[in-house]
Amino acid sequence: MAGIAFGGETATPDIVFIHATGFNARTYRTLLQPLGERFHVLALDMRGHGLTTLPHKLFSYTSWKRHRDDLIAVLEHFTAPVTLAGHSMGATISLLTAGVRTDLVNGLALLEPVVLPAAGYAL
């Protein structure tokens, strides 16, 4: 999985940022770079986006659980919980991750998460 980092490197980043559908980590560099003055920020390119080379299917997406599982795999390499931040798809992936692995997440910062009523997911 590819990504970019801002701020001083530590064993565990303070913030892990996930982009929206169709974007990548570099899209948010002007937003994230100033945070690097105070925090270690890691922005990831999710499967099928940016420079990440994990296999993906362009069609037949039925869930973002694959992205959630990819994020969990990354977070398991850190020595402490992180704050997850994301925009749209990234915010939803952050919520999905925090919902199943509270031990990996100590906070959330969400921009426009995609949250639908239960009936919306049935469609």
PDB file of N, CA and C in Angstrom:
ATOM      1  N   MET A   1       0.850  -1.174   0.000  1.00  0.00           N
ATOM      2  CA  MET A   1       0.000   0.000   0.000  1.00  0.00           C
ATOM      3  C   MET A   1       0.897   1.240   0.000  1.00  0.00           C
ATOM      4  N   ALA A   2       0.594   2.166  -0.864  1.00  0.00           N
ATOM      5  CA  ALA A   2       1.383   3.401  -0.991  1.00  0.00           C
ATOM      6  C   ALA A   2       0.762   4.505  -0.141  1.00  0.00           C
ATOM      7  N   GLY A   3       1.538   5.531   0.100  1.00  0.00           N
ATOM      8  CA  GLY A   3       1.038   6.673   0.831  1.00  0.00           C
ATOM      9  C   GLY A   3       2.114   7.728   0.949  1.00  0.00           C
ATOM     10  N   ILE A   4       1.777   8.821   1.602  1.00  0.00           N
ATOM     11  CA  ILE A   4       2.747   9.881   1.858  1.00  0.00           C
ATOM     12  C   ILE A   4       2.675  10.244   3.343  1.00  0.00           C
ATOM     13  N   ALA A   5       3.798  10.722   3.859  1.00  0.00           N
ATOM     14  CA  ALA A   5       3.871  11.066   5.275  1.00  0.00           C
ATOM     15  C   ALA A   5       4.239  12.538   5.427  1.00  0.00           C
ATOM     16  N   PHE A   6       3.769  13.103   6.517  1.00  0.00           N
ATOM     17  CA  PHE A   6       4.071  14.486   6.880  1.00  0.00           C
ATOM     18  C   PHE A   6       4.519  14.499   8.328  1.00  0.00           C
ATOM     19  N   GLY A   7       5.438  15.396   8.654  1.00  0.00           N
ATOM     20  CA  GLY A   7       5.904  15.517  10.024  1.00  0.00           C
ATOM     21  C   GLY A   7       7.007  14.535  10.340  1.00  0.00           C
ATOM     22  N   GLY A   8       7.484  14.609  11.581  1.00  0.00           N
ATOM     23  CA  GLY A   8       8.548  13.726  12.035  1.00  0.00           C
ATOM     24  C   GLY A   8       8.072  12.288  12.129  1.00  0.00           C
ATOM     25  N   GLU A   9       8.902  11.378  11.672  1.00  0.00           N
ATOM     26  CA  GLU A   9       8.527   9.961  11.710  1.00  0.00           C
ATOM     27  C   GLU A   9       8.641   9.416  13.127  1.00  0.00           C
ATOM     28  N   THR A  10       7.634   8.665  13.503  1.00  0.00           N
ATOM     29  CA  THR A  10       7.597   7.970  14.780  1.00  0.00           C
ATOM     30  C   THR A  10       7.160   6.538  14.511  1.00  0.00           C
ATOM     31  N   ALA A  11       7.278   5.673  15.508  1.00  0.00           N
ATOM     32  CA  ALA A  11       6.886   4.270  15.320  1.00  0.00           C
ATOM     33  C   ALA A  11       5.412   4.147  14.955  1.00  0.00           C
ATOM     34  N   THR A  12       4.608   5.041  15.482  1.00  0.00           N
ATOM     35  CA  THR A  12       3.174   5.060  15.193  1.00  0.00           C
ATOM     36  C   THR A  12       2.786   6.479  14.815  1.00  0.00           C
ATOM     37  N   PRO A  13       2.147   6.668  13.654  1.00  0.00           N
ATOM     38  CA  PRO A  13       1.702   8.023  13.311  1.00  0.00           C
ATOM     39  C   PRO A  13       0.602   8.486  14.265  1.00  0.00           C
ATOM     40  N   ASP A  14       0.480   9.788  14.399  1.00  0.00           N
ATOM     41  CA  ASP A  14      -0.608  10.336  15.209  1.00  0.00           C
ATOM     42  C   ASP A  14      -1.935  10.232  14.472  1.00  0.00           C
ATOM     43  N   ILE A  15      -1.886  10.488  13.165  1.00  0.00           N
ATOM     44  CA  ILE A  15      -3.089  10.527  12.339  1.00  0.00           C
ATOM     45  C   ILE A  15      -2.855   9.682  11.088  1.00  0.00           C
ATOM     46  N   VAL A  16      -3.836   8.850  10.749  1.00  0.00           N
ATOM     47  CA  VAL A  16      -3.830   8.138   9.470  1.00  0.00           C
ATOM     48  C   VAL A  16      -5.041   8.660   8.696  1.00  0.00           C
ATOM     49  N   PHE A  17      -4.782   9.207   7.517  1.00  0.00           N
ATOM     50  CA  PHE A  17      -5.826   9.832   6.697  1.00  0.00           C
ATOM     51  C   PHE A  17      -6.145   8.966   5.488  1.00  0.00           C
ATOM     52  N   ILE A  18      -7.452   8.811   5.211  1.00  0.00           N
ATOM     53  CA  ILE A  18      -7.932   8.026   4.069  1.00  0.00           C
ATOM     54  C   ILE A  18      -8.760   8.937   3.157  1.00  0.00           C
ATOM     55  N   HIS A  19      -8.463   8.892   1.883  1.00  0.00           N
ATOM     56  CA  HIS A  19      -9.076   9.755   0.871  1.00  0.00           C
ATOM     57  C   HIS A  19     -10.479   9.299   0.461  1.00  0.00           C
ATOM     58  N   ALA A  20     -11.130  10.119  -0.341  1.00  0.00           N
ATOM     59  CA  ALA A  20     -12.443   9.808  -0.906  1.00  0.00           C
ATOM     60  C   ALA A  20     -12.305   8.953  -2.165  1.00  0.00           C
ATOM     61  N   THR A  21     -13.407   8.358  -2.594  1.00  0.00           N
ATOM     62  CA  THR A  21     -13.430   7.566  -3.819  1.00  0.00           C
ATOM     63  C   THR A  21     -12.940   8.409  -4.994  1.00  0.00           C
ATOM     64  N   GLY A  22     -12.054   7.842  -5.796  1.00  0.00           N
ATOM     65  CA  GLY A  22     -11.558   8.510  -6.986  1.00  0.00           C
ATOM     66  C   GLY A  22     -10.405   9.462  -6.738  1.00  0.00           C
ATOM     67  N   PHE A  23     -10.080   9.719  -5.477  1.00  0.00           N
ATOM     68  CA  PHE A  23      -8.956  10.576  -5.134  1.00  0.00           C
ATOM     69  C   PHE A  23      -7.796   9.718  -4.650  1.00  0.00           C
ATOM     70  N   ASN A  24      -6.748  10.350  -4.159  1.00  0.00           N
ATOM     71  CA  ASN A  24      -5.635   9.629  -3.561  1.00  0.00           C
ATOM     72  C   ASN A  24      -5.012  10.520  -2.493  1.00  0.00           C
ATOM     73  N   ALA A  25      -3.999  10.000  -1.822  1.00  0.00           N
ATOM     74  CA  ALA A  25      -3.390  10.736  -0.706  1.00  0.00           C
ATOM     75  C   ALA A  25      -2.854  12.102  -1.135  1.00  0.00           C
ATOM     76  N   ARG A  26      -2.260  12.182  -2.317  1.00  0.00           N
ATOM     77  CA  ARG A  26      -1.664  13.458  -2.768  1.00  0.00           C
ATOM     78  C   ARG A  26      -2.708  14.562  -2.939  1.00  0.00           C
ATOM     79  N   THR A  27      -3.953  14.196  -3.175  1.00  0.00           N
ATOM     80  CA  THR A  27      -5.015  15.185  -3.340  1.00  0.00           C
ATOM     81  C   THR A  27      -5.122  16.091  -2.113  1.00  0.00           C
ATOM     82  N   TYR A  28      -4.818  15.555  -0.951  1.00  0.00           N
ATOM     83  CA  TYR A  28      -5.031  16.252   0.315  1.00  0.00           C
ATOM     84  C   TYR A  28      -3.755  16.849   0.908  1.00  0.00           C
ATOM     85  N   ARG A  29      -2.673  16.887   0.138  1.00  0.00           N
ATOM     86  CA  ARG A  29      -1.393  17.321   0.707  1.00  0.00           C
ATOM     87  C   ARG A  29      -1.421  18.753   1.226  1.00  0.00           C
ATOM     88  N   THR A  30      -2.162  19.665   0.599  1.00  0.00           N
ATOM     89  CA  THR A  30      -2.188  21.038   1.111  1.00  0.00           C
ATOM     90  C   THR A  30      -2.972  21.126   2.425  1.00  0.00           C
ATOM     91  N   LEU A  31      -3.878  20.213   2.660  1.00  0.00           N
ATOM     92  CA  LEU A  31      -4.609  20.154   3.923  1.00  0.00           C
ATOM     93  C   LEU A  31      -3.770  19.483   5.009  1.00  0.00           C
ATOM     94  N   LEU A  32      -3.045  18.430   4.635  1.00  0.00           N
ATOM     95  CA  LEU A  32      -2.324  17.615   5.616  1.00  0.00           C
ATOM     96  C   LEU A  32      -0.926  18.125   5.946  1.00  0.00           C
ATOM     97  N   GLN A  33      -0.280  18.774   4.990  1.00  0.00           N
ATOM     98  CA  GLN A  33       1.101  19.225   5.213  1.00  0.00           C
ATOM     99  C   GLN A  33       1.232  20.134   6.446  1.00  0.00           C
ATOM    100  N   PRO A  34       0.350  21.120   6.637  1.00  0.00           N
ATOM    101  CA  PRO A  34       0.476  21.955   7.837  1.00  0.00           C
ATOM    102  C   PRO A  34       0.317  21.160   9.143  1.00  0.00           C
ATOM    103  N   LEU A  35      -0.458  20.075   9.115  1.00  0.00           N
ATOM    104  CA  LEU A  35      -0.591  19.244  10.306  1.00  0.00           C
ATOM    105  C   LEU A  35       0.735  18.590  10.674  1.00  0.00           C
ATOM    106  N   GLY A  36       1.593  18.404   9.664  1.00  0.00           N
ATOM    107  CA  GLY A  36       2.897  17.805   9.884  1.00  0.00           C
ATOM    108  C   GLY A  36       3.807  18.642  10.772  1.00  0.00           C
ATOM    109  N   GLU A  37       3.473  19.900  10.971  1.00  0.00           N
ATOM    110  CA  GLU A  37       4.266  20.742  11.870  1.00  0.00           C
ATOM    111  C   GLU A  37       4.068  20.345  13.332  1.00  0.00           C
ATOM    112  N   ARG A  38       2.963  19.644  13.598  1.00  0.00           N
ATOM    113  CA  ARG A  38       2.646  19.252  14.980  1.00  0.00           C
ATOM    114  C   ARG A  38       2.467  17.750  15.162  1.00  0.00           C
ATOM    115  N   PHE A  39       2.108  17.058  14.072  1.00  0.00           N
ATOM    116  CA  PHE A  39       1.785  15.633  14.162  1.00  0.00           C
ATOM    117  C   PHE A  39       2.522  14.837  13.092  1.00  0.00           C
ATOM    118  N   HIS A  40       2.682  13.546  13.350  1.00  0.00           N
ATOM    119  CA  HIS A  40       3.131  12.614  12.305  1.00  0.00           C
ATOM    120  C   HIS A  40       1.858  12.128  11.610  1.00  0.00           C
ATOM    121  N   VAL A  41       1.683  12.492  10.346  1.00  0.00           N
ATOM    122  CA  VAL A  41       0.486  12.176   9.576  1.00  0.00           C
ATOM    123  C   VAL A  41       0.860  11.218   8.452  1.00  0.00           C
ATOM    124  N   LEU A  42       0.103  10.156   8.313  1.00  0.00           N
ATOM    125  CA  LEU A  42       0.279   9.202   7.225  1.00  0.00           C
ATOM    126  C   LEU A  42      -1.000   9.191   6.403  1.00  0.00           C
ATOM    127  N   ALA A  43      -0.890   9.508   5.120  1.00  0.00           N
ATOM    128  CA  ALA A  43      -2.041   9.488   4.210  1.00  0.00           C
ATOM    129  C   ALA A  43      -1.848   8.318   3.255  1.00  0.00           C
ATOM    130  N   LEU A  44      -2.813   7.420   3.204  1.00  0.00           N
ATOM    131  CA  LEU A  44      -2.701   6.193   2.420  1.00  0.00           C
ATOM    132  C   LEU A  44      -3.485   6.262   1.119  1.00  0.00           C
ATOM    133  N   ASP A  45      -2.976   5.577   0.103  1.00  0.00           N
ATOM    134  CA  ASP A  45      -3.722   5.333  -1.136  1.00  0.00           C
ATOM    135  C   ASP A  45      -4.403   3.976  -0.986  1.00  0.00           C
ATOM    136  N   MET A  46      -5.714   3.974  -0.999  1.00  0.00           N
ATOM    137  CA  MET A  46      -6.436   2.724  -0.832  1.00  0.00           C
ATOM    138  C   MET A  46      -6.381   1.888  -2.115  1.00  0.00           C
ATOM    139  N   ARG A  47      -6.705   0.639  -1.986  1.00  0.00           N
ATOM    140  CA  ARG A  47      -6.741  -0.310  -3.108  1.00  0.00           C
ATOM    141  C   ARG A  47      -7.490   0.309  -4.291  1.00  0.00           C
ATOM    142  N   GLY A  48      -6.846   0.267  -5.475  1.00  0.00           N
ATOM    143  CA  GLY A  48      -7.470   0.809  -6.681  1.00  0.00           C
ATOM    144  C   GLY A  48      -7.282   2.310  -6.859  1.00  0.00           C
ATOM    145  N   HIS A  49      -6.527   2.947  -5.986  1.00  0.00           N
ATOM    146  CA  HIS A  49      -6.325   4.400  -6.033  1.00  0.00           C
ATOM    147  C   HIS A  49      -4.843   4.739  -5.938  1.00  0.00           C
ATOM    148  N   GLY A  50      -4.456   5.854  -6.545  1.00  0.00           N
ATOM    149  CA  GLY A  50      -3.097   6.359  -6.408  1.00  0.00           C
ATOM    150  C   GLY A  50      -2.042   5.351  -6.819  1.00  0.00           C
ATOM    151  N   LEU A  51      -1.000   5.244  -6.012  1.00  0.00           N
ATOM    152  CA  LEU A  51       0.140   4.388  -6.335  1.00  0.00           C
ATOM    153  C   LEU A  51       0.061   3.003  -5.694  1.00  0.00           C
ATOM    154  N   THR A  52      -1.006   2.719  -4.957  1.00  0.00           N
ATOM    155  CA  THR A  52      -1.150   1.394  -4.355  1.00  0.00           C
ATOM    156  C   THR A  52      -1.338   0.357  -5.448  1.00  0.00           C
ATOM    157  N   THR A  53      -0.637  -0.745  -5.313  1.00  0.00           N
ATOM    158  CA  THR A  53      -0.674  -1.792  -6.353  1.00  0.00           C
ATOM    159  C   THR A  53      -1.444  -3.037  -5.923  1.00  0.00           C
ATOM    160  N   LEU A  54      -2.179  -2.974  -4.832  1.00  0.00           N
ATOM    161  CA  LEU A  54      -3.002  -4.121  -4.437  1.00  0.00           C
ATOM    162  C   LEU A  54      -4.024  -4.396  -5.535  1.00  0.00           C
ATOM    163  N   PRO A  55      -4.297  -5.675  -5.827  1.00  0.00           N
ATOM    164  CA  PRO A  55      -5.261  -5.990  -6.894  1.00  0.00           C
ATOM    165  C   PRO A  55      -6.652  -5.446  -6.560  1.00  0.00           C
ATOM    166  N   HIS A  56      -7.361  -5.043  -7.603  1.00  0.00           N
ATOM    167  CA  HIS A  56      -8.703  -4.507  -7.407  1.00  0.00           C
ATOM    168  C   HIS A  56      -9.552  -4.803  -8.635  1.00  0.00           C
ATOM    169  N   LYS A  57     -10.846  -4.714  -8.466  1.00  0.00           N
ATOM    170  CA  LYS A  57     -11.794  -4.819  -9.569  1.00  0.00           C
ATOM    171  C   LYS A  57     -12.425  -3.448  -9.744  1.00  0.00           C
ATOM    172  N   LEU A  58     -12.470  -2.983 -10.977  1.00  0.00           N
ATOM    173  CA  LEU A  58     -13.050  -1.664 -11.226  1.00  0.00           C
ATOM    174  C   LEU A  58     -14.560  -1.675 -11.055  1.00  0.00           C
ATOM    175  N   PHE A  59     -15.178  -2.822 -11.280  1.00  0.00           N
ATOM    176  CA  PHE A  59     -16.628  -2.914 -11.179  1.00  0.00           C
ATOM    177  C   PHE A  59     -16.981  -3.937 -10.107  1.00  0.00           C
ATOM    178  N   SER A  60     -18.195  -4.033  -9.771  1.00  0.00           N
ATOM    179  CA  SER A  60     -18.755  -4.989  -8.813  1.00  0.00           C
ATOM    180  C   SER A  60     -18.396  -4.681  -7.366  1.00  0.00           C
ATOM    181  N   TYR A  61     -18.163  -3.415  -7.043  1.00  0.00           N
ATOM    182  CA  TYR A  61     -17.998  -3.043  -5.646  1.00  0.00           C
ATOM    183  C   TYR A  61     -19.343  -3.180  -4.953  1.00  0.00           C
ATOM    184  N   THR A  62     -19.389  -3.931  -3.901  1.00  0.00           N
ATOM    185  CA  THR A  62     -20.627  -4.031  -3.126  1.00  0.00           C
ATOM    186  C   THR A  62     -20.420  -3.577  -1.684  1.00  0.00           C
ATOM    187  N   SER A  63     -19.178  -3.307  -1.331  1.00  0.00           N
ATOM    188  CA  SER A  63     -18.871  -2.953   0.050  1.00  0.00           C
ATOM    189  C   SER A  63     -17.482  -2.315   0.121  1.00  0.00           C
ATOM    190  N   TRP A  64     -17.261  -1.551   1.171  1.00  0.00           N
ATOM    191  CA  TRP A  64     -15.934  -1.002   1.436  1.00  0.00           C
ATOM    192  C   TRP A  64     -15.211  -1.825   2.495  1.00  0.00           C
ATOM    193  N   LYS A  65     -15.726  -3.015   2.799  1.00  0.00           N
ATOM    194  CA  LYS A  65     -15.100  -3.862   3.813  1.00  0.00           C
ATOM    195  C   LYS A  65     -13.694  -4.290   3.397  1.00  0.00           C
ATOM    196  N   ARG A  66     -13.447  -4.455   2.116  1.00  0.00           N
ATOM    197  CA  ARG A  66     -12.091  -4.796   1.665  1.00  0.00           C
ATOM    198  C   ARG A  66     -11.114  -3.685   2.029  1.00  0.00           C
ATOM    199  N   HIS A  67     -11.534  -2.434   1.845  1.00  0.00           N
ATOM    200  CA  HIS A  67     -10.692  -1.299   2.230  1.00  0.00           C
ATOM    201  C   HIS A  67     -10.503  -1.269   3.748  1.00  0.00           C
ATOM    202  N   ARG A  68     -11.582  -1.558   4.482  1.00  0.00           N
ATOM    203  CA  ARG A  68     -11.481  -1.623   5.946  1.00  0.00           C
ATOM    204  C   ARG A  68     -10.437  -2.656   6.365  1.00  0.00           C
ATOM    205  N   ASP A  69     -10.490  -3.820   5.755  1.00  0.00           N
ATOM    206  CA  ASP A  69      -9.542  -4.886   6.097  1.00  0.00           C
ATOM    207  C   ASP A  69      -8.112  -4.503   5.723  1.00  0.00           C
ATOM    208  N   ASP A  70      -7.933  -3.797   4.597  1.00  0.00           N
ATOM    209  CA  ASP A  70      -6.599  -3.304   4.225  1.00  0.00           C
ATOM    210  C   ASP A  70      -6.083  -2.320   5.272  1.00  0.00           C
ATOM    211  N   LEU A  71      -6.955  -1.421   5.722  1.00  0.00           N
ATOM    212  CA  LEU A  71      -6.555  -0.437   6.723  1.00  0.00           C
ATOM    213  C   LEU A  71      -6.201  -1.124   8.038  1.00  0.00           C
ATOM    214  N   ILE A  72      -6.984  -2.088   8.442  1.00  0.00           N
ATOM    215  CA  ILE A  72      -6.683  -2.833   9.670  1.00  0.00           C
ATOM    216  C   ILE A  72      -5.314  -3.494   9.564  1.00  0.00           C
ATOM    217  N   ALA A  73      -5.007  -4.064   8.408  1.00  0.00           N
ATOM    218  CA  ALA A  73      -3.703  -4.716   8.220  1.00  0.00           C
ATOM    219  C   ALA A  73      -2.560  -3.717   8.418  1.00  0.00           C
ATOM    220  N   VAL A  74      -2.738  -2.488   7.967  1.00  0.00           N
ATOM    221  CA  VAL A  74      -1.710  -1.455   8.162  1.00  0.00           C
ATOM    222  C   VAL A  74      -1.627  -1.069   9.637  1.00  0.00           C
ATOM    223  N   LEU A  75      -2.765  -0.810  10.256  1.00  0.00           N
ATOM    224  CA  LEU A  75      -2.787  -0.352  11.647  1.00  0.00           C
ATOM    225  C   LEU A  75      -2.193  -1.378  12.609  1.00  0.00           C
ATOM    226  N   GLU A  76      -2.309  -2.647  12.283  1.00  0.00           N
ATOM    227  CA  GLU A  76      -1.771  -3.701  13.147  1.00  0.00           C
ATOM    228  C   GLU A  76      -0.248  -3.667  13.241  1.00  0.00           C
ATOM    229  N   HIS A  77       0.415  -2.942  12.347  1.00  0.00           N
ATOM    230  CA  HIS A  77       1.871  -2.817  12.380  1.00  0.00           C
ATOM    231  C   HIS A  77       2.351  -1.729  13.344  1.00  0.00           C
ATOM    232  N   PHE A  78       1.442  -0.893  13.829  1.00  0.00           N
ATOM    233  CA  PHE A  78       1.820   0.200  14.707  1.00  0.00           C
ATOM    234  C   PHE A  78       1.820  -0.260  16.160  1.00  0.00           C
ATOM    235  N   THR A  79       2.497   0.494  16.992  1.00  0.00           N
ATOM    236  CA  THR A  79       2.648   0.108  18.391  1.00  0.00           C
ATOM    237  C   THR A  79       1.588   0.718  19.308  1.00  0.00           C
ATOM    238  N   ALA A  80       0.758   1.589  18.775  1.00  0.00           N
ATOM    239  CA  ALA A  80      -0.266   2.245  19.587  1.00  0.00           C
ATOM    240  C   ALA A  80      -1.454   2.613  18.701  1.00  0.00           C
ATOM    241  N   PRO A  81      -2.610   2.872  19.299  1.00  0.00           N
ATOM    242  CA  PRO A  81      -3.768   3.310  18.524  1.00  0.00           C
ATOM    243  C   PRO A  81      -3.516   4.665  17.862  1.00  0.00           C
ATOM    244  N   VAL A  82      -4.237   4.942  16.788  1.00  0.00           N
ATOM    245  CA  VAL A  82      -4.081   6.191  16.038  1.00  0.00           C
ATOM    246  C   VAL A  82      -5.431   6.898  15.930  1.00  0.00           C
ATOM    247  N   THR A  83      -5.363   8.160  15.555  1.00  0.00           N
ATOM    248  CA  THR A  83      -6.565   8.882  15.153  1.00  0.00           C
ATOM    249  C   THR A  83      -6.760   8.635  13.670  1.00  0.00           C
ATOM    250  N   LEU A  84      -7.928   8.158  13.301  1.00  0.00           N
ATOM    251  CA  LEU A  84      -8.257   7.970  11.888  1.00  0.00           C
ATOM    252  C   LEU A  84      -9.000   9.198  11.403  1.00  0.00           C
ATOM    253  N   ALA A  85      -8.627   9.671  10.236  1.00  0.00           N
ATOM    254  CA  ALA A  85      -9.294  10.805   9.610  1.00  0.00           C
ATOM    255  C   ALA A  85      -9.570  10.423   8.165  1.00  0.00           C
ATOM    256  N   GLY A  86     -10.659  10.936   7.623  1.00  0.00           N
ATOM    257  CA  GLY A  86     -10.954  10.622   6.241  1.00  0.00           C
ATOM    258  C   GLY A  86     -12.048  11.500   5.677  1.00  0.00           C
ATOM    259  N   HIS A  87     -12.129  11.466   4.354  1.00  0.00           N
ATOM    260  CA  HIS A  87     -13.120  12.231   3.611  1.00  0.00           C
ATOM    261  C   HIS A  87     -13.999  11.260   2.824  1.00  0.00           C
ATOM    262  N   SER A  88     -15.302  11.371   2.954  1.00  0.00           N
ATOM    263  CA  SER A  88     -16.273  10.587   2.198  1.00  0.00           C
ATOM    264  C   SER A  88     -16.009   9.088   2.383  1.00  0.00           C
ATOM    265  N   MET A  89     -15.577   8.382   1.338  1.00  0.00           N
ATOM    266  CA  MET A  89     -15.271   6.958   1.472  1.00  0.00           C
ATOM    267  C   MET A  89     -14.276   6.739   2.603  1.00  0.00           C
ATOM    268  N   GLY A  90     -13.264   7.595   2.706  1.00  0.00           N
ATOM    269  CA  GLY A  90     -12.251   7.451   3.749  1.00  0.00           C
ATOM    270  C   GLY A  90     -12.825   7.608   5.145  1.00  0.00           C
ATOM    271  N   ALA A  91     -13.797   8.495   5.299  1.00  0.00           N
ATOM    272  CA  ALA A  91     -14.461   8.660   6.591  1.00  0.00           C
ATOM    273  C   ALA A  91     -15.266   7.408   6.934  1.00  0.00           C
ATOM    274  N   THR A  92     -15.934   6.844   5.956  1.00  0.00           N
ATOM    275  CA  THR A  92     -16.729   5.642   6.184  1.00  0.00           C
ATOM    276  C   THR A  92     -15.837   4.455   6.505  1.00  0.00           C
ATOM    277  N   ILE A  93     -14.722   4.312   5.784  1.00  0.00           N
ATOM    278  CA  ILE A  93     -13.768   3.240   6.068  1.00  0.00           C
ATOM    279  C   ILE A  93     -13.224   3.403   7.489  1.00  0.00           C
ATOM    280  N   SER A  94     -12.974   4.630   7.898  1.00  0.00           N
ATOM    281  CA  SER A  94     -12.507   4.887   9.259  1.00  0.00           C
ATOM    282  C   SER A  94     -13.546   4.435  10.280  1.00  0.00           C
ATOM    283  N   LEU A  95     -14.819   4.760  10.036  1.00  0.00           N
ATOM    284  CA  LEU A  95     -15.893   4.316  10.932  1.00  0.00           C
ATOM    285  C   LEU A  95     -15.988   2.796  10.983  1.00  0.00           C
ATOM    286  N   LEU A  96     -15.929   2.148   9.809  1.00  0.00           N
ATOM    287  CA  LEU A  96     -16.003   0.689   9.756  1.00  0.00           C
ATOM    288  C   LEU A  96     -14.851   0.061  10.539  1.00  0.00           C
ATOM    289  N   THR A  97     -13.675   0.647  10.421  1.00  0.00           N
ATOM    290  CA  THR A  97     -12.498   0.140  11.119  1.00  0.00           C
ATOM    291  C   THR A  97     -12.656   0.302  12.630  1.00  0.00           C
ATOM    292  N   ALA A  98     -13.038   1.494  13.048  1.00  0.00           N
ATOM    293  CA  ALA A  98     -13.216   1.749  14.482  1.00  0.00           C
ATOM    294  C   ALA A  98     -14.302   0.862  15.076  1.00  0.00           C
ATOM    295  N   GLY A  99     -15.292   0.522  14.272  1.00  0.00           N
ATOM    296  CA  GLY A  99     -16.384  -0.306  14.758  1.00  0.00           C
ATOM    297  C   GLY A  99     -15.990  -1.737  15.077  1.00  0.00           C
ATOM    298  N   VAL A 100     -14.995  -2.250  14.376  1.00  0.00           N
ATOM    299  CA  VAL A 100     -14.591  -3.645  14.610  1.00  0.00           C
ATOM    300  C   VAL A 100     -13.265  -3.780  15.347  1.00  0.00           C
ATOM    301  N   ARG A 101     -12.447  -2.716  15.371  1.00  0.00           N
ATOM    302  CA  ARG A 101     -11.136  -2.787  16.024  1.00  0.00           C
ATOM    303  C   ARG A 101     -10.901  -1.538  16.870  1.00  0.00           C
ATOM    304  N   THR A 102     -11.647  -1.427  17.945  1.00  0.00           N
ATOM    305  CA  THR A 102     -11.506  -0.281  18.838  1.00  0.00           C
ATOM    306  C   THR A 102     -10.108  -0.197  19.440  1.00  0.00           C
ATOM    307  N   ASP A 103      -9.405  -1.313  19.488  1.00  0.00           N
ATOM    308  CA  ASP A 103      -8.053  -1.322  20.053  1.00  0.00           C
ATOM    309  C   ASP A 103      -7.038  -0.602  19.172  1.00  0.00           C
ATOM    310  N   LEU A 104      -7.370  -0.378  17.909  1.00  0.00           N
ATOM    311  CA  LEU A 104      -6.442   0.261  16.974  1.00  0.00           C
ATOM    312  C   LEU A 104      -6.701   1.751  16.797  1.00  0.00           C
ATOM    313  N   VAL A 105      -7.807   2.242  17.332  1.00  0.00           N
ATOM    314  CA  VAL A 105      -8.252   3.616  17.047  1.00  0.00           C
ATOM    315  C   VAL A 105      -8.484   4.364  18.360  1.00  0.00           C
ATOM    316  N   ASN A 106      -7.898   5.575  18.476  1.00  0.00           N
ATOM    317  CA  ASN A 106      -8.150   6.376  19.672  1.00  0.00           C
ATOM    318  C   ASN A 106      -8.969   7.629  19.387  1.00  0.00           C
ATOM    319  N   GLY A 107      -9.330   7.845  18.123  1.00  0.00           N
ATOM    320  CA  GLY A 107     -10.151   8.996  17.783  1.00  0.00           C
ATOM    321  C   GLY A 107     -10.495   8.997  16.304  1.00  0.00           C
ATOM    322  N   LEU A 108     -11.496   9.790  15.958  1.00  0.00           N
ATOM    323  CA  LEU A 108     -11.952   9.906  14.576  1.00  0.00           C
ATOM    324  C   LEU A 108     -12.132  11.370  14.208  1.00  0.00           C
ATOM    325  N   ALA A 109     -11.750  11.727  12.988  1.00  0.00           N
ATOM    326  CA  ALA A 109     -12.016  13.046  12.423  1.00  0.00           C
ATOM    327  C   ALA A 109     -12.588  12.787  11.033  1.00  0.00           C
ATOM    328  N   LEU A 110     -13.886  13.005  10.868  1.00  0.00           N
ATOM    329  CA  LEU A 110     -14.592  12.575   9.666  1.00  0.00           C
ATOM    330  C   LEU A 110     -15.142  13.758   8.877  1.00  0.00           C
ATOM    331  N   LEU A 111     -14.830  13.788   7.574  1.00  0.00           N
ATOM    332  CA  LEU A 111     -15.350  14.801   6.661  1.00  0.00           C
ATOM    333  C   LEU A 111     -16.325  14.127   5.704  1.00  0.00           C
ATOM    334  N   GLU A 112     -17.585  14.479   5.784  1.00  0.00           N
ATOM    335  CA  GLU A 112     -18.629  13.962   4.896  1.00  0.00           C
ATOM    336  C   GLU A 112     -18.656  12.438   4.803  1.00  0.00           C
ATOM    337  N   PRO A 113     -18.794  11.729   5.934  1.00  0.00           N
ATOM    338  CA  PRO A 113     -18.881  10.270   5.843  1.00  0.00           C
ATOM    339  C   PRO A 113     -20.150   9.860   5.098  1.00  0.00           C
ATOM    340  N   VAL A 114     -20.069   8.766   4.374  1.00  0.00           N
ATOM    341  CA  VAL A 114     -21.208   8.241   3.626  1.00  0.00           C
ATOM    342  C   VAL A 114     -21.968   7.321   4.575  1.00  0.00           C
ATOM    343  N   VAL A 115     -23.008   7.871   5.187  1.00  0.00           N
ATOM    344  CA  VAL A 115     -23.813   7.106   6.129  1.00  0.00           C
ATOM    345  C   VAL A 115     -25.250   7.171   5.638  1.00  0.00           C
ATOM    346  N   LEU A 116     -25.801   6.001   5.367  1.00  0.00           N
ATOM    347  CA  LEU A 116     -27.168   5.901   4.833  1.00  0.00           C
ATOM    348  C   LEU A 116     -28.074   5.235   5.866  1.00  0.00           C
ATOM    349  N   PRO A 117     -29.388   5.434   5.750  1.00  0.00           N
ATOM    350  CA  PRO A 117     -30.310   4.656   6.569  1.00  0.00           C
ATOM    351  C   PRO A 117     -30.156   3.175   6.209  1.00  0.00           C
ATOM    352  N   ALA A 118     -30.518   2.281   7.094  1.00  0.00           N
ATOM    353  CA  ALA A 118     -30.367   0.837   6.869  1.00  0.00           C
ATOM    354  C   ALA A 118     -30.987   0.399   5.537  1.00  0.00           C
ATOM    355  N   ALA A 119     -32.115   0.961   5.184  1.00  0.00           N
ATOM    356  CA  ALA A 119     -32.779   0.587   3.926  1.00  0.00           C
ATOM    357  C   ALA A 119     -31.926   0.967   2.714  1.00  0.00           C
ATOM    358  N   GLY A 120     -31.149   2.017   2.819  1.00  0.00           N
ATOM    359  CA  GLY A 120     -30.282   2.438   1.726  1.00  0.00           C
ATOM    360  C   GLY A 120     -29.213   1.410   1.411  1.00  0.00           C
ATOM    361  N   TYR A 121     -28.718   0.727   2.432  1.00  0.00           N
ATOM    362  CA  TYR A 121     -27.675  -0.296   2.220  1.00  0.00           C
ATOM    363  C   TYR A 121     -28.267  -1.544   1.575  1.00  0.00           C
ATOM    364  N   ALA A 122     -29.557  -1.798   1.784  1.00  0.00           N
ATOM    365  CA  ALA A 122     -30.208  -2.971   1.178  1.00  0.00           C
ATOM    366  C   ALA A 122     -30.262  -2.854  -0.338  1.00  0.00           C
ATOM    367  N   LEU A 123     -30.312  -1.618  -0.849  1.00  0.00           N
ATOM    368  CA  LEU A 123     -30.362  -1.416  -2.296  1.00  0.00           C
ATOM    369  C   LEU A 123     -29.043  -1.802  -2.906  1.00  0.00           C
TER     370      LEU A 123
END
